[in-house]
């Protein structure tokens, strides 16, 4: 038996539904099971809308180098290649706050950042807003409460590339993955 239930409460939808039609401006932006909607948003709207908070987004400056698309961003500790991309002019990258790694110790491909703010969220998790010294770029990180309490104001941030989604100029997800340039 099929039941159609309309709600603006994303927690309710993600908890109750087998399938969700995520709507934006009266059109279906994505239709899938809750886990796929959350982990593989089809566009930046789905990444932003789902989650508490939603994805953190940042610009990935890209250029064509010897037939490969290479990108750089303040929160990536080294240049990256976009696999499977033939040509792109504008790329936005996004990551869920709970996927961001934060440490008081340096990490390979990590970058230094300052804690701009910290707060306690549901379940005792710590929500951090972090800023790089490079250009004031900011990103959100959600950490276990015990980890969040031990961090000072100077931290290292690492984004696992397999957790970073990339979106084109049309805000749609690209069928590309990021890998550190060899």
N, C-alpha and C. Protein backbone atom coordinates (compact mmCIF):
# COMPACT_ATOMS: atom_id res chain seq x y z
N UNK A 1 0.84 -1.17 0.00
CA UNK A 1 0.00 0.00 0.00
C UNK A 1 0.89 1.24 0.00
N UNK A 2 0.54 2.22 -0.80
CA UNK A 2 1.31 3.45 -0.90
C UNK A 2 0.62 4.58 -0.15
N UNK A 3 1.40 5.29 0.63
CA UNK A 3 0.90 6.47 1.34
C UNK A 3 1.76 7.65 0.92
N UNK A 4 1.12 8.76 0.54
CA UNK A 4 1.84 9.98 0.22
C UNK A 4 1.68 10.91 1.42
N UNK A 5 2.80 11.33 1.96
CA UNK A 5 2.81 12.18 3.15
C UNK A 5 3.63 13.41 2.82
N UNK A 6 3.07 14.58 2.98
CA UNK A 6 3.75 15.83 2.65
C UNK A 6 4.17 16.50 3.95
N UNK A 7 5.46 16.87 4.04
CA UNK A 7 5.96 17.54 5.24
C UNK A 7 7.10 18.47 4.88
N UNK A 8 7.28 19.50 5.70
CA UNK A 8 8.45 20.36 5.58
C UNK A 8 9.51 19.97 6.59
N UNK A 9 9.20 18.99 7.43
CA UNK A 9 10.10 18.54 8.48
C UNK A 9 11.00 17.45 7.92
N UNK A 10 12.24 17.81 7.63
CA UNK A 10 13.15 16.84 7.00
C UNK A 10 13.44 15.65 7.90
N UNK A 11 13.50 15.85 9.21
CA UNK A 11 13.76 14.73 10.11
C UNK A 11 12.62 13.72 10.05
N UNK A 12 11.41 14.23 10.03
CA UNK A 12 10.24 13.37 9.91
C UNK A 12 10.27 12.60 8.59
N UNK A 13 10.56 13.28 7.51
CA UNK A 13 10.61 12.64 6.20
C UNK A 13 11.70 11.57 6.15
N UNK A 14 12.88 11.91 6.64
CA UNK A 14 14.00 10.97 6.59
C UNK A 14 13.75 9.75 7.47
N UNK A 15 12.98 9.93 8.54
CA UNK A 15 12.70 8.83 9.47
C UNK A 15 11.59 7.92 8.96
N UNK A 16 10.52 8.50 8.40
CA UNK A 16 9.34 7.72 8.04
C UNK A 16 9.36 7.13 6.63
N UNK A 17 10.03 7.77 5.73
CA UNK A 17 9.86 7.43 4.31
C UNK A 17 10.75 6.29 3.82
N UNK A 18 10.20 5.53 2.87
CA UNK A 18 10.99 4.57 2.11
C UNK A 18 11.59 5.27 0.89
N UNK A 19 10.82 6.21 0.34
CA UNK A 19 11.24 7.01 -0.81
C UNK A 19 10.82 8.45 -0.54
N UNK A 20 11.65 9.40 -0.99
CA UNK A 20 11.35 10.83 -0.79
C UNK A 20 11.46 11.54 -2.13
N UNK A 21 10.47 12.39 -2.39
CA UNK A 21 10.55 13.31 -3.53
C UNK A 21 10.95 14.66 -2.93
N UNK A 22 12.20 15.05 -3.10
CA UNK A 22 12.69 16.33 -2.59
C UNK A 22 12.30 17.40 -3.58
N UNK A 23 11.51 18.36 -3.12
CA UNK A 23 10.96 19.39 -4.00
C UNK A 23 11.69 20.71 -3.83
N UNK A 24 11.92 21.38 -4.95
CA UNK A 24 12.47 22.74 -4.94
C UNK A 24 11.67 23.57 -5.93
N UNK A 25 11.05 24.61 -5.43
CA UNK A 25 10.24 25.52 -6.25
C UNK A 25 9.21 24.76 -7.09
N UNK A 26 8.52 23.80 -6.45
CA UNK A 26 7.44 23.08 -7.11
C UNK A 26 7.85 21.98 -8.05
N UNK A 27 9.15 21.69 -8.15
CA UNK A 27 9.63 20.63 -9.03
C UNK A 27 10.41 19.61 -8.21
N UNK A 28 10.36 18.37 -8.65
CA UNK A 28 11.12 17.33 -7.97
C UNK A 28 12.60 17.49 -8.30
N UNK A 29 13.39 17.78 -7.27
CA UNK A 29 14.83 17.95 -7.45
C UNK A 29 15.53 16.59 -7.44
N UNK A 30 15.00 15.65 -6.63
CA UNK A 30 15.59 14.31 -6.55
C UNK A 30 14.56 13.39 -5.92
N UNK A 31 14.52 12.17 -6.40
CA UNK A 31 13.61 11.16 -5.87
C UNK A 31 14.43 9.92 -5.58
N UNK A 32 14.49 9.54 -4.29
CA UNK A 32 15.28 8.37 -3.94
C UNK A 32 14.99 7.98 -2.50
N UNK A 33 15.69 6.95 -2.02
CA UNK A 33 15.56 6.57 -0.62
C UNK A 33 16.31 7.59 0.24
N UNK A 34 15.95 7.72 1.52
CA UNK A 34 16.55 8.75 2.37
C UNK A 34 18.08 8.69 2.43
N UNK A 35 18.65 7.51 2.55
CA UNK A 35 20.12 7.40 2.65
C UNK A 35 20.81 7.93 1.40
N UNK A 36 20.28 7.60 0.23
CA UNK A 36 20.88 8.08 -1.02
C UNK A 36 20.70 9.59 -1.15
N UNK A 37 19.52 10.10 -0.80
CA UNK A 37 19.30 11.55 -0.86
C UNK A 37 20.34 12.28 -0.02
N UNK A 38 20.62 11.75 1.17
CA UNK A 38 21.54 12.40 2.09
C UNK A 38 23.00 12.26 1.64
N UNK A 39 23.39 11.05 1.27
CA UNK A 39 24.81 10.80 0.97
C UNK A 39 25.20 11.13 -0.47
N UNK A 40 24.22 11.17 -1.37
CA UNK A 40 24.53 11.45 -2.79
C UNK A 40 23.55 12.47 -3.36
N UNK A 41 23.57 13.70 -2.84
CA UNK A 41 22.63 14.70 -3.36
C UNK A 41 22.87 14.96 -4.85
N UNK A 42 21.77 15.08 -5.59
CA UNK A 42 21.87 15.29 -7.04
C UNK A 42 22.29 16.72 -7.38
N UNK A 43 22.10 17.64 -6.43
CA UNK A 43 22.46 19.03 -6.68
C UNK A 43 22.78 19.72 -5.36
N UNK A 44 23.21 20.98 -5.46
CA UNK A 44 23.60 21.71 -4.25
C UNK A 44 22.39 21.97 -3.34
N UNK A 45 21.19 22.06 -3.91
CA UNK A 45 20.00 22.26 -3.08
C UNK A 45 19.82 21.09 -2.12
N UNK A 46 19.89 19.87 -2.63
CA UNK A 46 19.75 18.69 -1.78
C UNK A 46 20.84 18.61 -0.73
N UNK A 47 22.05 18.98 -1.10
CA UNK A 47 23.16 18.98 -0.14
C UNK A 47 22.96 19.99 0.96
N UNK A 48 22.44 21.16 0.60
CA UNK A 48 22.20 22.22 1.57
C UNK A 48 20.98 21.94 2.43
N UNK A 49 19.89 21.48 1.80
CA UNK A 49 18.61 21.35 2.49
C UNK A 49 18.61 20.21 3.51
N UNK A 50 19.17 19.07 3.14
CA UNK A 50 19.15 17.92 4.03
C UNK A 50 20.35 17.95 4.98
N UNK A 51 20.09 17.73 6.25
CA UNK A 51 21.15 17.71 7.24
C UNK A 51 20.99 18.87 8.21
N UNK A 52 21.59 18.70 9.37
CA UNK A 52 21.52 19.74 10.39
C UNK A 52 22.90 19.93 11.00
N UNK A 53 23.71 20.82 10.44
CA UNK A 53 23.45 21.66 9.28
C UNK A 53 23.67 20.88 7.98
N UNK A 54 23.33 21.52 6.88
CA UNK A 54 23.54 20.91 5.56
C UNK A 54 25.02 20.92 5.20
N UNK A 55 25.30 20.55 3.97
CA UNK A 55 26.69 20.51 3.48
C UNK A 55 27.34 21.88 3.59
N UNK A 56 28.64 21.87 3.77
CA UNK A 56 29.46 23.07 3.61
C UNK A 56 29.93 23.07 2.17
N UNK A 57 29.82 24.22 1.51
CA UNK A 57 30.23 24.33 0.11
C UNK A 57 31.41 25.29 -0.01
N UNK A 58 32.26 25.03 -0.99
CA UNK A 58 33.38 25.93 -1.28
C UNK A 58 33.72 25.83 -2.76
N UNK A 59 34.26 26.91 -3.29
CA UNK A 59 34.65 26.94 -4.70
C UNK A 59 35.94 26.16 -4.88
N UNK A 60 35.99 25.41 -5.96
CA UNK A 60 37.19 24.67 -6.35
C UNK A 60 37.68 25.36 -7.61
N UNK A 61 38.81 26.06 -7.52
CA UNK A 61 39.32 26.73 -8.72
C UNK A 61 39.99 25.67 -9.60
N UNK A 62 39.52 25.58 -10.83
CA UNK A 62 39.96 24.51 -11.72
C UNK A 62 40.63 25.06 -12.98
N UNK A 63 41.53 24.26 -13.52
CA UNK A 63 42.17 24.57 -14.81
C UNK A 63 42.55 23.28 -15.49
N UNK A 64 42.69 23.34 -16.80
CA UNK A 64 43.09 22.18 -17.59
C UNK A 64 44.61 22.13 -17.63
N UNK A 65 45.17 21.04 -17.13
CA UNK A 65 46.63 20.86 -17.14
C UNK A 65 46.95 19.54 -17.84
N UNK A 66 47.52 19.63 -19.03
CA UNK A 66 47.91 18.43 -19.79
C UNK A 66 46.77 17.44 -19.94
N UNK A 67 45.58 17.93 -20.25
CA UNK A 67 44.43 17.08 -20.50
C UNK A 67 43.69 16.64 -19.25
N UNK A 68 44.14 17.06 -18.08
CA UNK A 68 43.46 16.71 -16.84
C UNK A 68 42.88 17.98 -16.20
N UNK A 69 41.77 17.85 -15.53
CA UNK A 69 41.18 18.96 -14.80
C UNK A 69 41.76 18.95 -13.39
N UNK A 70 42.47 20.02 -13.04
CA UNK A 70 43.13 20.11 -11.74
C UNK A 70 42.50 21.25 -10.95
N UNK A 71 42.26 20.99 -9.68
CA UNK A 71 41.63 21.99 -8.84
C UNK A 71 42.35 22.23 -7.54
N UNK A 72 42.10 23.42 -6.97
CA UNK A 72 42.66 23.78 -5.67
C UNK A 72 41.59 24.50 -4.87
N UNK A 73 41.67 24.35 -3.55
CA UNK A 73 40.74 25.04 -2.65
C UNK A 73 41.43 25.22 -1.31
N UNK A 74 41.02 26.23 -0.55
CA UNK A 74 41.67 26.51 0.73
C UNK A 74 41.67 25.34 1.71
N UNK A 75 40.64 24.49 1.71
CA UNK A 75 40.58 23.40 2.67
C UNK A 75 41.17 22.10 2.14
N UNK A 76 41.73 22.13 0.95
CA UNK A 76 42.42 20.95 0.41
C UNK A 76 43.91 21.21 0.49
N UNK A 77 44.63 20.31 1.14
CA UNK A 77 46.04 20.52 1.41
C UNK A 77 46.97 20.33 0.22
N UNK A 78 46.43 19.95 -0.92
CA UNK A 78 47.23 19.76 -2.13
C UNK A 78 46.29 19.83 -3.33
N UNK A 79 46.85 20.09 -4.54
CA UNK A 79 46.00 20.10 -5.73
C UNK A 79 45.34 18.74 -5.96
N UNK A 80 44.15 18.77 -6.54
CA UNK A 80 43.41 17.54 -6.83
C UNK A 80 43.07 17.46 -8.31
N UNK A 81 42.87 16.24 -8.79
CA UNK A 81 42.40 16.02 -10.16
C UNK A 81 40.95 15.57 -10.09
N UNK A 82 40.16 15.98 -11.07
CA UNK A 82 38.77 15.52 -11.19
C UNK A 82 38.77 14.35 -12.16
N UNK A 83 38.52 13.14 -11.65
CA UNK A 83 38.51 11.97 -12.52
C UNK A 83 37.24 11.98 -13.36
N UNK A 84 37.35 11.56 -14.59
CA UNK A 84 36.19 11.43 -15.45
C UNK A 84 35.67 12.74 -16.01
N UNK A 85 36.25 13.85 -15.65
CA UNK A 85 35.78 15.15 -16.17
C UNK A 85 36.59 15.51 -17.41
N UNK A 86 35.87 15.86 -18.49
CA UNK A 86 36.56 16.25 -19.71
C UNK A 86 36.83 17.74 -19.71
N UNK A 87 35.80 18.51 -19.35
CA UNK A 87 35.98 19.95 -19.28
C UNK A 87 34.94 20.53 -18.34
N UNK A 88 35.38 21.37 -17.46
CA UNK A 88 34.48 22.10 -16.56
C UNK A 88 35.03 23.49 -16.39
N UNK A 89 34.15 24.46 -16.20
CA UNK A 89 34.63 25.83 -16.04
C UNK A 89 34.46 26.32 -14.60
N UNK A 90 33.48 25.77 -13.92
CA UNK A 90 33.19 26.23 -12.56
C UNK A 90 32.78 25.01 -11.74
N UNK A 91 33.42 24.84 -10.59
CA UNK A 91 33.13 23.69 -9.75
C UNK A 91 32.92 24.15 -8.32
N UNK A 92 31.83 23.64 -7.73
CA UNK A 92 31.58 23.84 -6.31
C UNK A 92 31.73 22.48 -5.65
N UNK A 93 32.46 22.44 -4.55
CA UNK A 93 32.63 21.20 -3.81
C UNK A 93 31.82 21.29 -2.53
N UNK A 94 31.34 20.15 -2.05
CA UNK A 94 30.56 20.13 -0.83
C UNK A 94 30.90 18.91 0.02
N UNK A 95 30.80 19.09 1.35
CA UNK A 95 31.07 17.98 2.26
C UNK A 95 30.14 18.10 3.47
N UNK A 96 29.67 16.98 3.94
CA UNK A 96 28.84 16.95 5.14
C UNK A 96 29.72 17.28 6.35
N UNK A 97 29.22 18.10 7.29
CA UNK A 97 30.04 18.51 8.44
C UNK A 97 30.57 17.35 9.27
N UNK A 98 29.84 16.25 9.36
CA UNK A 98 30.32 15.12 10.15
C UNK A 98 31.43 14.34 9.45
N UNK A 99 31.70 14.63 8.18
CA UNK A 99 32.76 13.96 7.42
C UNK A 99 34.09 14.72 7.49
N UNK A 100 34.07 15.94 7.99
CA UNK A 100 35.28 16.77 8.10
C UNK A 100 36.10 16.25 9.28
N UNK A 101 37.38 16.02 9.05
CA UNK A 101 38.27 15.56 10.11
C UNK A 101 38.98 16.77 10.73
N UNK A 102 39.00 16.82 12.05
CA UNK A 102 39.62 17.93 12.77
C UNK A 102 40.53 17.35 13.84
N UNK A 103 41.74 17.92 13.96
CA UNK A 103 42.70 17.43 14.93
C UNK A 103 43.54 18.58 15.47
N UNK A 104 44.10 18.40 16.65
CA UNK A 104 45.04 19.39 17.18
C UNK A 104 46.44 19.13 16.64
N UNK A 105 46.63 17.98 15.98
CA UNK A 105 47.93 17.60 15.40
C UNK A 105 47.88 17.72 13.88
N UNK A 106 49.02 18.04 13.26
CA UNK A 106 49.06 18.09 11.78
C UNK A 106 48.66 16.75 11.16
N UNK A 107 47.96 16.83 10.02
CA UNK A 107 47.56 15.64 9.27
C UNK A 107 48.05 15.79 7.84
N UNK A 108 48.44 14.69 7.22
CA UNK A 108 48.85 14.73 5.82
C UNK A 108 47.67 15.24 4.99
N UNK A 109 47.93 16.16 4.08
CA UNK A 109 46.94 16.86 3.24
C UNK A 109 45.94 17.65 4.08
N UNK A 110 46.27 17.90 5.32
CA UNK A 110 45.43 18.77 6.15
C UNK A 110 45.90 20.21 6.06
N UNK A 111 45.07 21.13 6.48
CA UNK A 111 45.43 22.54 6.47
C UNK A 111 45.15 23.13 7.86
N UNK A 112 45.93 24.16 8.20
CA UNK A 112 45.72 24.84 9.47
C UNK A 112 44.45 25.67 9.41
N UNK A 113 43.75 25.72 10.53
CA UNK A 113 42.53 26.53 10.59
C UNK A 113 42.35 27.04 12.01
N UNK A 114 41.54 28.07 12.13
CA UNK A 114 41.19 28.64 13.43
C UNK A 114 39.72 28.33 13.70
N UNK A 115 39.40 28.09 14.97
CA UNK A 115 38.02 27.89 15.37
C UNK A 115 37.37 29.26 15.49
N UNK A 116 36.35 29.51 14.69
CA UNK A 116 35.61 30.77 14.71
C UNK A 116 34.51 30.70 15.76
N UNK A 117 33.83 29.55 15.79
CA UNK A 117 32.80 29.35 16.80
C UNK A 117 32.64 27.86 17.07
N UNK A 118 32.10 27.56 18.24
CA UNK A 118 31.79 26.18 18.60
C UNK A 118 30.52 26.18 19.42
N UNK A 119 29.72 25.15 19.21
CA UNK A 119 28.48 25.02 19.97
C UNK A 119 28.17 23.54 20.13
N UNK A 120 27.28 23.25 21.05
CA UNK A 120 26.87 21.87 21.29
C UNK A 120 25.56 21.66 20.55
N UNK A 121 25.48 20.57 19.79
CA UNK A 121 24.26 20.28 19.05
C UNK A 121 23.57 19.07 19.68
N UNK A 122 22.49 18.64 19.06
CA UNK A 122 21.72 17.50 19.54
C UNK A 122 22.63 16.29 19.72
N UNK A 123 22.43 15.58 20.80
CA UNK A 123 23.23 14.39 21.05
C UNK A 123 24.60 14.68 21.62
N UNK A 124 24.84 15.92 22.03
CA UNK A 124 26.11 16.27 22.64
C UNK A 124 27.25 16.45 21.65
N UNK A 125 26.95 16.45 20.36
CA UNK A 125 28.00 16.67 19.37
C UNK A 125 28.42 18.13 19.39
N UNK A 126 29.66 18.37 18.97
CA UNK A 126 30.18 19.73 18.89
C UNK A 126 30.14 20.19 17.44
N UNK A 127 29.57 21.37 17.22
CA UNK A 127 29.54 21.95 15.88
C UNK A 127 30.54 23.09 15.85
N UNK A 128 31.50 23.00 14.94
CA UNK A 128 32.55 24.00 14.80
C UNK A 128 32.39 24.74 13.48
N UNK A 129 32.70 26.03 13.50
CA UNK A 129 32.91 26.78 12.27
C UNK A 129 34.40 27.08 12.24
N UNK A 130 35.06 26.66 11.16
CA UNK A 130 36.51 26.77 11.05
C UNK A 130 36.86 27.68 9.89
N UNK A 131 37.98 28.40 10.02
CA UNK A 131 38.39 29.36 8.99
C UNK A 131 39.87 29.15 8.70
N UNK A 132 40.21 29.14 7.41
CA UNK A 132 41.62 29.03 7.03
C UNK A 132 42.22 30.43 7.05
N UNK A 133 43.52 30.47 7.26
CA UNK A 133 44.22 31.75 7.25
C UNK A 133 44.45 32.26 5.84
N UNK A 134 44.30 31.38 4.83
CA UNK A 134 44.62 31.75 3.45
C UNK A 134 43.74 32.89 2.95
N UNK A 135 42.44 32.70 3.02
CA UNK A 135 41.56 33.73 2.46
C UNK A 135 40.27 33.87 3.26
N UNK A 136 40.29 33.38 4.49
CA UNK A 136 39.09 33.50 5.32
C UNK A 136 37.99 32.54 4.93
N UNK A 137 38.31 31.50 4.15
CA UNK A 137 37.30 30.51 3.78
C UNK A 137 36.84 29.80 5.05
N UNK A 138 35.54 29.48 5.11
CA UNK A 138 34.97 28.83 6.29
C UNK A 138 34.31 27.51 5.92
N UNK A 139 34.32 26.60 6.90
CA UNK A 139 33.70 25.29 6.74
C UNK A 139 33.16 24.87 8.10
N UNK A 140 32.10 24.06 8.09
CA UNK A 140 31.54 23.54 9.34
C UNK A 140 32.00 22.11 9.55
N UNK A 141 32.22 21.78 10.82
CA UNK A 141 32.60 20.42 11.19
C UNK A 141 31.78 20.00 12.39
N UNK A 142 31.25 18.79 12.35
CA UNK A 142 30.49 18.23 13.47
C UNK A 142 31.30 17.07 14.03
N UNK A 143 31.62 17.17 15.33
CA UNK A 143 32.48 16.19 15.97
C UNK A 143 31.80 15.59 17.19
N UNK A 144 32.26 14.42 17.59
CA UNK A 144 31.78 13.86 18.85
C UNK A 144 32.09 14.85 19.96
N UNK A 145 31.22 14.93 20.95
CA UNK A 145 31.37 15.89 22.03
C UNK A 145 32.69 15.77 22.77
N UNK A 146 33.15 14.52 23.05
CA UNK A 146 34.41 14.35 23.78
C UNK A 146 35.59 14.85 22.95
N UNK A 147 35.54 14.70 21.64
CA UNK A 147 36.61 15.20 20.77
C UNK A 147 36.56 16.73 20.73
N UNK A 148 35.37 17.28 20.56
CA UNK A 148 35.21 18.73 20.47
C UNK A 148 35.69 19.47 21.71
N UNK A 149 35.51 18.86 22.87
CA UNK A 149 35.91 19.52 24.12
C UNK A 149 37.43 19.60 24.28
N UNK A 150 38.17 18.72 23.60
CA UNK A 150 39.63 18.69 23.78
C UNK A 150 40.37 19.63 22.83
N UNK A 151 39.68 20.19 21.85
CA UNK A 151 40.36 21.01 20.85
C UNK A 151 40.51 22.46 21.30
N UNK A 152 41.67 23.03 20.99
CA UNK A 152 41.90 24.45 21.24
C UNK A 152 41.38 25.26 20.06
N UNK A 153 41.90 26.47 19.90
CA UNK A 153 41.44 27.35 18.82
C UNK A 153 42.24 27.21 17.54
N UNK A 154 43.41 26.57 17.61
CA UNK A 154 44.22 26.32 16.43
C UNK A 154 44.14 24.82 16.13
N UNK A 155 43.64 24.48 14.95
CA UNK A 155 43.41 23.07 14.60
C UNK A 155 43.91 22.78 13.19
N UNK A 156 43.89 21.51 12.85
CA UNK A 156 44.17 21.04 11.50
C UNK A 156 42.89 20.43 10.96
N UNK A 157 42.61 20.68 9.70
CA UNK A 157 41.39 20.21 9.05
C UNK A 157 41.79 19.37 7.84
N UNK A 158 41.11 18.25 7.68
CA UNK A 158 41.34 17.40 6.51
C UNK A 158 39.99 16.98 5.95
N UNK A 159 39.86 17.05 4.64
CA UNK A 159 38.65 16.61 3.97
C UNK A 159 38.94 15.31 3.23
N UNK A 160 38.37 14.20 3.69
CA UNK A 160 38.56 12.94 2.96
C UNK A 160 37.94 13.09 1.56
N UNK A 161 38.74 12.93 0.54
CA UNK A 161 38.27 13.21 -0.83
C UNK A 161 37.11 12.33 -1.25
N UNK A 162 37.02 11.12 -0.70
CA UNK A 162 35.90 10.26 -1.07
C UNK A 162 34.59 10.74 -0.46
N UNK A 163 34.64 11.73 0.41
CA UNK A 163 33.45 12.30 1.02
C UNK A 163 33.08 13.66 0.44
N UNK A 164 33.87 14.15 -0.51
CA UNK A 164 33.64 15.46 -1.12
C UNK A 164 32.87 15.27 -2.43
N UNK A 165 31.72 15.92 -2.52
CA UNK A 165 30.92 15.88 -3.76
C UNK A 165 31.26 17.11 -4.59
N UNK A 166 31.22 16.96 -5.90
CA UNK A 166 31.51 18.10 -6.78
C UNK A 166 30.31 18.39 -7.68
N UNK A 167 30.06 19.68 -7.87
CA UNK A 167 28.89 20.15 -8.61
C UNK A 167 29.37 21.15 -9.66
N UNK A 168 28.71 21.12 -10.83
CA UNK A 168 29.06 22.02 -11.93
C UNK A 168 28.37 23.37 -11.81
N UNK A 169 28.55 24.20 -12.81
CA UNK A 169 28.00 25.55 -12.80
C UNK A 169 26.47 25.55 -12.78
N UNK A 170 25.85 24.44 -13.21
CA UNK A 170 24.38 24.32 -13.18
C UNK A 170 23.88 23.82 -11.82
N UNK A 171 24.79 23.68 -10.84
CA UNK A 171 24.51 23.22 -9.48
C UNK A 171 24.24 21.71 -9.42
N UNK A 172 24.31 21.00 -10.55
CA UNK A 172 24.07 19.55 -10.58
C UNK A 172 25.37 18.82 -10.25
N UNK A 173 25.22 17.65 -9.63
CA UNK A 173 26.38 16.84 -9.25
C UNK A 173 27.10 16.34 -10.48
N UNK A 174 28.41 16.43 -10.46
CA UNK A 174 29.24 15.91 -11.55
C UNK A 174 29.57 14.45 -11.28
N UNK A 175 29.66 13.66 -12.32
CA UNK A 175 30.04 12.26 -12.18
C UNK A 175 31.56 12.19 -12.14
N UNK A 176 32.13 12.89 -11.19
CA UNK A 176 33.58 12.94 -11.03
C UNK A 176 33.93 12.68 -9.58
N UNK A 177 35.12 12.23 -9.37
CA UNK A 177 35.66 12.09 -8.02
C UNK A 177 36.95 12.89 -7.96
N UNK A 178 37.31 13.29 -6.76
CA UNK A 178 38.56 14.01 -6.56
C UNK A 178 39.64 13.04 -6.10
N UNK A 179 40.83 13.19 -6.65
CA UNK A 179 41.99 12.43 -6.18
C UNK A 179 43.16 13.41 -6.10
N UNK A 180 44.04 13.19 -5.12
CA UNK A 180 45.19 14.07 -5.02
C UNK A 180 46.09 13.85 -6.22
N UNK A 181 46.54 14.95 -6.80
CA UNK A 181 47.37 14.92 -8.01
C UNK A 181 48.71 14.28 -7.68
N UNK A 182 49.11 13.34 -8.50
CA UNK A 182 50.37 12.62 -8.27
C UNK A 182 51.57 13.49 -8.59
